[in-house]
Amino acid sequence: VIYGAFATAIIILLTLEAAAIIVLLGAQVIAEYERIGTDITKTHGLQT
């Protein structure tokens, strides 16, 4: 019975960690897209 409670706690913590990693990865992707977008607009003005 005790092992089931420990396993449940570990599963919950691992699930929360995986969710946090997914959120941080998504934030990183969004930041890169925004950075690429601003670089394109800056270089586009210099090409003319």
N, C-alpha and C. Protein backbone atom coordinates (compact mmCIF):
# COMPACT_ATOMS: atom_id res chain seq x y z
N VAL A 1 0.84 -1.20 0.00
CA VAL A 1 0.00 0.00 0.00
C VAL A 1 0.87 1.25 0.00
N ILE A 2 1.96 1.23 0.75
CA ILE A 2 2.84 2.39 0.82
C ILE A 2 3.53 2.62 -0.52
N TYR A 3 3.91 1.53 -1.19
CA TYR A 3 4.60 1.67 -2.47
C TYR A 3 3.70 2.31 -3.52
N GLY A 4 2.42 2.03 -3.46
CA GLY A 4 1.48 2.65 -4.40
C GLY A 4 1.40 4.15 -4.20
N ALA A 5 1.42 4.59 -2.96
CA ALA A 5 1.38 6.03 -2.68
C ALA A 5 2.66 6.70 -3.16
N PHE A 6 3.80 6.05 -2.93
CA PHE A 6 5.06 6.62 -3.41
C PHE A 6 5.10 6.66 -4.93
N ALA A 7 4.62 5.62 -5.56
CA ALA A 7 4.60 5.58 -7.02
C ALA A 7 3.70 6.67 -7.57
N THR A 8 2.57 6.90 -6.94
CA THR A 8 1.66 7.95 -7.38
C THR A 8 2.31 9.32 -7.27
N ALA A 9 2.99 9.56 -6.16
CA ALA A 9 3.68 10.84 -5.98
C ALA A 9 4.77 11.03 -7.03
N ILE A 10 5.52 9.98 -7.31
CA ILE A 10 6.59 10.08 -8.30
C ILE A 10 6.01 10.32 -9.69
N ILE A 11 4.93 9.63 -10.03
CA ILE A 11 4.29 9.82 -11.33
C ILE A 11 3.78 11.25 -11.48
N ILE A 12 3.18 11.79 -10.43
CA ILE A 12 2.67 13.16 -10.48
C ILE A 12 3.82 14.15 -10.67
N LEU A 13 4.91 13.96 -9.93
CA LEU A 13 6.05 14.86 -10.07
C LEU A 13 6.69 14.77 -11.46
N LEU A 14 6.80 13.58 -11.99
CA LEU A 14 7.36 13.43 -13.34
C LEU A 14 6.45 14.05 -14.39
N THR A 15 5.14 13.93 -14.20
CA THR A 15 4.19 14.54 -15.13
C THR A 15 4.30 16.06 -15.08
N LEU A 16 4.42 16.62 -13.88
CA LEU A 16 4.57 18.07 -13.76
C LEU A 16 5.89 18.54 -14.38
N GLU A 17 6.94 17.77 -14.21
CA GLU A 17 8.22 18.14 -14.81
C GLU A 17 8.15 18.09 -16.33
N ALA A 18 7.51 17.07 -16.87
CA ALA A 18 7.36 16.97 -18.32
C ALA A 18 6.53 18.14 -18.85
N ALA A 19 5.48 18.51 -18.14
CA ALA A 19 4.65 19.63 -18.57
C ALA A 19 5.45 20.93 -18.54
N ALA A 20 6.27 21.13 -17.52
CA ALA A 20 7.09 22.33 -17.44
C ALA A 20 8.11 22.38 -18.57
N ILE A 21 8.69 21.25 -18.91
CA ILE A 21 9.66 21.20 -20.01
C ILE A 21 8.98 21.54 -21.33
N ILE A 22 7.77 21.03 -21.53
CA ILE A 22 7.03 21.32 -22.76
C ILE A 22 6.70 22.81 -22.84
N VAL A 23 6.29 23.41 -21.73
CA VAL A 23 5.98 24.84 -21.72
C VAL A 23 7.23 25.66 -22.02
N LEU A 24 8.35 25.31 -21.40
CA LEU A 24 9.59 26.05 -21.65
C LEU A 24 10.08 25.87 -23.08
N LEU A 25 9.93 24.69 -23.63
CA LEU A 25 10.31 24.47 -25.02
C LEU A 25 9.44 25.30 -25.96
N GLY A 26 8.15 25.37 -25.67
CA GLY A 26 7.26 26.20 -26.47
C GLY A 26 7.63 27.67 -26.39
N ALA A 27 8.00 28.13 -25.20
CA ALA A 27 8.42 29.52 -25.05
C ALA A 27 9.70 29.79 -25.83
N GLN A 28 10.60 28.83 -25.84
CA GLN A 28 11.85 28.97 -26.60
C GLN A 28 11.57 29.06 -28.09
N VAL A 29 10.67 28.23 -28.58
CA VAL A 29 10.32 28.24 -30.00
C VAL A 29 9.68 29.57 -30.38
N ILE A 30 8.78 30.07 -29.55
CA ILE A 30 8.13 31.36 -29.82
C ILE A 30 9.16 32.48 -29.83
N ALA A 31 10.10 32.45 -28.88
CA ALA A 31 11.13 33.48 -28.83
C ALA A 31 12.01 33.44 -30.08
N GLU A 32 12.34 32.26 -30.55
CA GLU A 32 13.15 32.14 -31.77
C GLU A 32 12.39 32.65 -32.99
N TYR A 33 11.11 32.33 -33.08
CA TYR A 33 10.31 32.84 -34.20
C TYR A 33 10.24 34.36 -34.18
N GLU A 34 10.08 34.94 -33.00
CA GLU A 34 10.03 36.40 -32.90
C GLU A 34 11.38 37.00 -33.27
N ARG A 35 12.47 36.38 -32.84
CA ARG A 35 13.80 36.89 -33.15
C ARG A 35 14.06 36.82 -34.65
N ILE A 36 13.69 35.71 -35.27
CA ILE A 36 13.88 35.56 -36.71
C ILE A 36 13.03 36.58 -37.46
N GLY A 37 11.82 36.81 -36.99
CA GLY A 37 10.94 37.79 -37.63
C GLY A 37 11.51 39.18 -37.58
N THR A 38 12.10 39.59 -36.46
CA THR A 38 12.67 40.93 -36.37
C THR A 38 13.94 41.03 -37.20
N ASP A 39 14.73 39.96 -37.28
CA ASP A 39 15.93 39.99 -38.10
C ASP A 39 15.58 40.14 -39.58
N ILE A 40 14.52 39.47 -40.01
CA ILE A 40 14.11 39.55 -41.41
C ILE A 40 13.67 40.97 -41.75
N THR A 41 12.91 41.61 -40.87
CA THR A 41 12.44 42.97 -41.17
C THR A 41 13.60 43.96 -41.16
N LYS A 42 14.60 43.76 -40.31
CA LYS A 42 15.74 44.67 -40.29
C LYS A 42 16.59 44.51 -41.55
N THR A 43 16.86 43.29 -41.95
CA THR A 43 17.69 43.08 -43.13
C THR A 43 16.93 43.43 -44.40
N HIS A 44 15.62 43.30 -44.40
CA HIS A 44 14.84 43.64 -45.59
C HIS A 44 14.96 45.13 -45.89
N GLY A 45 15.00 45.96 -44.86
CA GLY A 45 15.15 47.39 -45.07
C GLY A 45 16.53 47.75 -45.58
N LEU A 46 17.54 46.97 -45.24
CA LEU A 46 18.89 47.27 -45.68
C LEU A 46 19.15 46.84 -47.12
N GLN A 47 18.36 45.93 -47.64
CA GLN A 47 18.61 45.42 -48.98
C GLN A 47 18.18 46.39 -50.08
N THR A 48 17.30 47.33 -49.78
CA THR A 48 16.78 48.20 -50.85
C THR A 48 17.69 49.35 -51.16
